[in-house]
Amino acid sequence: MSSIAIALIAFIGIPGGALRGLFLSLAFPQHHLSSNSTETVRLRAGLVATMAAVVRGLLAGAAKGSFDVMHTGITKMGARTIMLDRVLAQYGPQAKEVRNVAAGLQC
C-alpha cells in the first residue's frame, strides 16, 4: 500500500471517528456520561497511549541494535580485508594474483 493511500485513509478515518464519537455521545444515556465514566475512559486511553509508546520505543531500540551489529560487522570485514591486502603486499609480486582475488578484481 502506498504512502498516499495510507495518508488518505488516516485523513478520512480520524475525522470520521471523531464525528462517530460525537453522534454516539448523543445516543448514550446521561448516566454513562458522568464525570466518573469519562475519567475512567480518559485513564484507560492514557494507558493505551503509554503502552503504545513503550512498544514503539522497544521496536526502535531493537532496530538500532540490529543496525549497530550489522555496521560493526561490515566495518570489521573491511578492516580485515585491508589487513590481508597489506600482509599480502609484503610477499611482493608473487601475491599479486591472490591480492586481486581478495580485492574482488578477479573471480
Protein backbone atom coordinates (compact mmCIF):
# COMPACT_ATOMS: atom_id res chain seq x y z
CA MET A 1 0.00 0.00 0.00
CA SER A 2 1.44 3.37 -0.97
CA SER A 3 2.08 6.19 1.48
CA ILE A 4 -0.53 8.35 -0.26
CA ALA A 5 -3.21 5.70 0.28
CA ILE A 6 -2.28 5.40 3.96
CA ALA A 7 -2.39 9.19 4.35
CA LEU A 8 -5.84 9.33 2.72
CA ILE A 9 -7.15 6.57 4.97
CA ALA A 10 -5.84 8.42 8.04
CA PHE A 11 -7.17 11.75 6.76
CA ILE A 12 -10.65 10.28 6.31
CA GLY A 13 -10.59 7.87 9.26
CA ILE A 14 -9.57 10.23 12.06
CA PRO A 15 -12.24 12.91 11.49
CA GLY A 16 -14.74 10.14 10.72
CA GLY A 17 -14.06 8.52 14.06
CA ALA A 18 -14.40 11.86 15.84
CA LEU A 19 -17.77 12.51 14.19
CA ARG A 20 -18.93 8.99 15.00
CA GLY A 21 -17.98 9.54 18.64
CA LEU A 22 -19.84 12.84 18.70
CA PHE A 23 -23.02 11.21 17.40
CA LEU A 24 -22.66 8.24 19.75
CA SER A 25 -22.36 10.58 22.74
CA LEU A 26 -25.82 11.94 21.88
CA ALA A 27 -27.24 8.40 21.85
CA PHE A 28 -25.89 7.36 25.28
CA PRO A 29 -27.95 7.79 28.43
CA GLN A 30 -26.82 10.62 30.74
CA HIS A 31 -25.56 8.33 33.50
CA HIS A 32 -22.95 6.94 31.06
CA LEU A 33 -21.60 10.45 30.56
CA SER A 34 -20.93 11.20 34.23
CA SER A 35 -17.55 12.51 35.37
CA ASN A 36 -16.58 9.10 36.79
CA SER A 37 -17.23 7.36 33.46
CA THR A 38 -15.37 9.95 31.43
CA GLU A 39 -12.42 9.88 33.85
CA THR A 40 -12.25 6.08 33.59
CA VAL A 41 -12.24 6.26 29.80
CA ARG A 42 -9.60 9.01 29.89
CA LEU A 43 -7.34 6.95 32.17
CA ARG A 44 -7.66 3.85 30.01
CA ALA A 45 -6.91 5.84 26.87
CA GLY A 46 -3.81 7.21 28.60
CA LEU A 47 -2.74 3.68 29.50
CA VAL A 48 -3.17 2.52 25.90
CA ALA A 49 -1.18 5.52 24.62
CA THR A 50 1.59 4.87 27.14
CA MET A 51 1.82 1.19 26.22
CA ALA A 52 1.92 2.08 22.51
CA ALA A 53 4.79 4.49 23.21
CA VAL A 54 6.69 1.84 25.17
CA VAL A 55 6.25 -0.73 22.40
CA ARG A 56 7.35 1.80 19.77
CA GLY A 57 10.41 2.65 21.85
CA LEU A 58 11.34 -1.01 22.20
CA LEU A 59 10.90 -1.53 18.46
CA ALA A 60 13.16 1.44 17.69
CA GLY A 61 15.75 0.17 20.17
CA ALA A 62 15.75 -3.29 18.63
CA ALA A 63 16.10 -1.84 15.13
CA LYS A 64 19.02 0.34 16.23
CA GLY A 65 20.70 -2.61 17.91
CA SER A 66 20.39 -4.68 14.75
CA PHE A 67 21.75 -1.81 12.64
CA ASP A 68 24.71 -1.35 15.00
CA VAL A 69 25.58 -5.05 14.86
CA MET A 70 25.50 -5.04 11.04
CA HIS A 71 27.52 -1.82 10.87
CA THR A 72 30.17 -3.22 13.20
CA GLY A 73 30.39 -6.43 11.16
CA ILE A 74 30.82 -4.55 7.90
CA THR A 75 33.48 -2.30 9.45
CA LYS A 76 35.39 -5.29 10.82
CA MET A 77 35.20 -7.09 7.47
CA GLY A 78 36.60 -4.03 5.70
CA ALA A 79 39.40 -3.67 8.23
CA ARG A 80 40.32 -7.35 7.91
CA THR A 81 40.35 -7.09 4.11
CA ILE A 82 42.72 -4.12 4.30
CA MET A 83 44.96 -6.01 6.74
CA LEU A 84 45.01 -9.04 4.45
CA ASP A 85 45.94 -6.83 1.50
CA ARG A 86 48.80 -5.27 3.46
CA VAL A 87 50.12 -8.64 4.61
CA LEU A 88 49.94 -9.99 1.07
CA ALA A 89 51.73 -6.86 -0.22
CA GLN A 90 54.71 -7.82 1.93
CA TYR A 91 55.10 -11.02 -0.10
CA GLY A 92 55.81 -8.98 -3.22
CA PRO A 93 54.67 -9.54 -6.80
CA GLN A 94 54.14 -13.29 -6.26
CA ALA A 95 50.98 -12.50 -4.23
CA LYS A 96 49.51 -10.07 -6.78
CA GLU A 97 47.00 -12.62 -8.11
CA VAL A 98 45.82 -13.50 -4.60
CA ARG A 99 45.53 -9.80 -3.73
CA ASN A 100 43.36 -9.19 -6.78
CA VAL A 101 41.09 -12.10 -5.85
CA ALA A 102 40.84 -10.84 -2.26
CA ALA A 103 40.02 -7.34 -3.54
CA GLY A 104 37.32 -8.75 -5.82
CA LEU A 105 39.04 -7.76 -9.05
CA GLN A 106 39.17 -11.36 -10.33
CA CYS A 107 36.95 -14.26 -9.53
